[in-house]
Amino acid sequence: MNDERPDFSKMTEREKMRYWVENWKRVGPELERIKRQELRALSDEEGTKRALRVMSARSRHACAAAKLRSSSGLVEQQRIFAKTRRAA
């Protein structure tokens, strides 16, 4: 694959996807190598700070995305058990 960027306006969606995949096959390993090199260069303190920021952001996202429930589901579970006992 050459390093020139193709004219995307003349490409079909399939050709664009193929280009994207081939490009990532080519540059992905190099980006991964750079990322690992940068991570190895971090001090323990900076690595800890970054890890805590990532975990904190993921925790906030999980809490925001979670559905709020009015109960734990225990009452519903007991109702199902009682119904199953009656049917048996």
C-alpha atoms as a PDB file:
ATOM      1  CA  MET A   1       0.000   0.000   0.000  1.00  0.00           C
ATOM      2  CA  ASN A   2       1.410   3.398  -0.888  1.00  0.00           C
ATOM      3  CA  ASP A   3       1.575   6.261   1.594  1.00  0.00           C
ATOM      4  CA  GLU A   4      -0.591   8.571  -0.507  1.00  0.00           C
ATOM      5  CA  ARG A   5      -4.068   9.173   0.774  1.00  0.00           C
ATOM      6  CA  PRO A   6      -6.716   8.223  -1.789  1.00  0.00           C
ATOM      7  CA  ASP A   7      -9.547  10.480  -2.912  1.00  0.00           C
ATOM      8  CA  PHE A   8     -12.312   9.253  -0.610  1.00  0.00           C
ATOM      9  CA  SER A   9     -14.966  11.139  -2.566  1.00  0.00           C
ATOM     10  CA  LYS A  10     -14.406   8.734  -5.470  1.00  0.00           C
ATOM     11  CA  MET A  11     -14.458   5.564  -3.353  1.00  0.00           C
ATOM     12  CA  THR A  12     -17.384   3.292  -2.608  1.00  0.00           C
ATOM     13  CA  GLU A  13     -18.211   2.564   1.039  1.00  0.00           C
ATOM     14  CA  ARG A  14     -16.723  -0.905   0.617  1.00  0.00           C
ATOM     15  CA  GLU A  15     -13.466   0.560  -0.740  1.00  0.00           C
ATOM     16  CA  LYS A  16     -13.333   3.032   2.158  1.00  0.00           C
ATOM     17  CA  MET A  17     -13.783   0.221   4.677  1.00  0.00           C
ATOM     18  CA  ARG A  18     -11.109  -1.873   2.968  1.00  0.00           C
ATOM     19  CA  TYR A  19      -8.728   1.102   3.022  1.00  0.00           C
ATOM     20  CA  TRP A  20      -9.468   1.704   6.719  1.00  0.00           C
ATOM     21  CA  VAL A  21      -8.811  -1.952   7.626  1.00  0.00           C
ATOM     22  CA  GLU A  22      -5.610  -2.141   5.593  1.00  0.00           C
ATOM     23  CA  ASN A  23      -4.401   1.148   7.052  1.00  0.00           C
ATOM     24  CA  TRP A  24      -4.958  -0.102  10.619  1.00  0.00           C
ATOM     25  CA  LYS A  25      -3.129  -3.343   9.827  1.00  0.00           C
ATOM     26  CA  ARG A  26      -0.196  -1.201   8.772  1.00  0.00           C
ATOM     27  CA  VAL A  27      -0.160   1.509  11.452  1.00  0.00           C
ATOM     28  CA  GLY A  28      -1.733  -0.353  14.383  1.00  0.00           C
ATOM     29  CA  PRO A  29       1.424  -2.220  15.446  1.00  0.00           C
ATOM     30  CA  GLU A  30       3.486   0.977  15.281  1.00  0.00           C
ATOM     31  CA  LEU A  31       0.959   2.892  17.399  1.00  0.00           C
ATOM     32  CA  GLU A  32       0.926   0.027  19.906  1.00  0.00           C
ATOM     33  CA  ARG A  33       4.744   0.101  20.066  1.00  0.00           C
ATOM     34  CA  ILE A  34       4.691   3.865  20.725  1.00  0.00           C
ATOM     35  CA  LYS A  35       2.031   3.462  23.424  1.00  0.00           C
ATOM     36  CA  ARG A  36       4.042   0.759  25.209  1.00  0.00           C
ATOM     37  CA  GLN A  37       7.193   2.862  25.005  1.00  0.00           C
ATOM     38  CA  GLU A  38       5.397   5.863  26.514  1.00  0.00           C
ATOM     39  CA  LEU A  39       3.888   3.733  29.293  1.00  0.00           C
ATOM     40  CA  ARG A  40       7.288   2.249  30.175  1.00  0.00           C
ATOM     41  CA  ALA A  41       8.717   5.770  30.425  1.00  0.00           C
ATOM     42  CA  LEU A  42       6.140   6.842  33.039  1.00  0.00           C
ATOM     43  CA  SER A  43       7.220   7.141  36.639  1.00  0.00           C
ATOM     44  CA  ASP A  44       5.349   4.956  39.122  1.00  0.00           C
ATOM     45  CA  GLU A  45       3.639   8.061  40.476  1.00  0.00           C
ATOM     46  CA  GLU A  46       2.470   9.257  37.046  1.00  0.00           C
ATOM     47  CA  GLY A  47       1.359   5.728  36.098  1.00  0.00           C
ATOM     48  CA  THR A  48      -0.695   5.490  39.278  1.00  0.00           C
ATOM     49  CA  LYS A  49      -2.283   8.894  38.648  1.00  0.00           C
ATOM     50  CA  ARG A  50      -3.258   7.921  35.097  1.00  0.00           C
ATOM     51  CA  ALA A  51      -4.648   4.556  36.162  1.00  0.00           C
ATOM     52  CA  LEU A  52      -6.756   6.185  38.877  1.00  0.00           C
ATOM     53  CA  ARG A  53      -8.101   8.761  36.392  1.00  0.00           C
ATOM     54  CA  VAL A  54      -9.137   5.996  33.983  1.00  0.00           C
ATOM     55  CA  MET A  55     -10.784   3.914  36.715  1.00  0.00           C
ATOM     56  CA  SER A  56     -12.550   6.965  38.122  1.00  0.00           C
ATOM     57  CA  ALA A  57     -13.900   7.944  34.696  1.00  0.00           C
ATOM     58  CA  ARG A  58     -15.125   4.398  34.028  1.00  0.00           C
ATOM     59  CA  SER A  59     -16.752   4.244  37.437  1.00  0.00           C
ATOM     60  CA  ARG A  60     -18.559   7.546  36.852  1.00  0.00           C
ATOM     61  CA  HIS A  61     -19.730   6.334  33.442  1.00  0.00           C
ATOM     62  CA  ALA A  62     -20.980   3.026  34.865  1.00  0.00           C
ATOM     63  CA  CYS A  63     -22.894   4.826  37.608  1.00  0.00           C
ATOM     64  CA  ALA A  64     -24.422   7.275  35.129  1.00  0.00           C
ATOM     65  CA  ALA A  65     -25.370   4.513  32.678  1.00  0.00           C
ATOM     66  CA  ALA A  66     -26.839   2.174  35.298  1.00  0.00           C
ATOM     67  CA  LYS A  67     -30.591   2.056  35.626  1.00  0.00           C
ATOM     68  CA  LEU A  68     -31.831   3.226  38.979  1.00  0.00           C
ATOM     69  CA  ARG A  69     -34.000   0.599  40.602  1.00  0.00           C
ATOM     70  CA  SER A  70     -36.669   1.161  43.176  1.00  0.00           C
ATOM     71  CA  SER A  71     -35.922  -2.230  44.761  1.00  0.00           C
ATOM     72  CA  SER A  72     -33.334  -4.980  44.787  1.00  0.00           C
ATOM     73  CA  GLY A  73     -35.618  -7.431  43.004  1.00  0.00           C
ATOM     74  CA  LEU A  74     -35.948  -9.638  46.078  1.00  0.00           C
ATOM     75  CA  VAL A  75     -39.725  -9.149  46.293  1.00  0.00           C
ATOM     76  CA  GLU A  76     -40.103 -10.092  42.619  1.00  0.00           C
ATOM     77  CA  GLN A  77     -37.888 -13.149  43.126  1.00  0.00           C
ATOM     78  CA  GLN A  78     -39.965 -14.307  46.093  1.00  0.00           C
ATOM     79  CA  ARG A  79     -43.160 -13.840  44.054  1.00  0.00           C
ATOM     80  CA  ILE A  80     -41.739 -16.089  41.305  1.00  0.00           C
ATOM     81  CA  PHE A  81     -40.696 -18.731  43.865  1.00  0.00           C
ATOM     82  CA  ALA A  82     -44.172 -18.710  45.429  1.00  0.00           C
ATOM     83  CA  LYS A  83     -45.812 -19.026  42.017  1.00  0.00           C
ATOM     84  CA  THR A  84     -43.509 -21.957  41.161  1.00  0.00           C
ATOM     85  CA  ARG A  85     -44.350 -23.717  44.459  1.00  0.00           C
ATOM     86  CA  ARG A  86     -48.084 -23.363  43.798  1.00  0.00           C
ATOM     87  CA  ALA A  87     -47.683 -24.772  40.280  1.00  0.00           C
ATOM     88  CA  ALA A  88     -45.741 -27.817  41.492  1.00  0.00           C
END
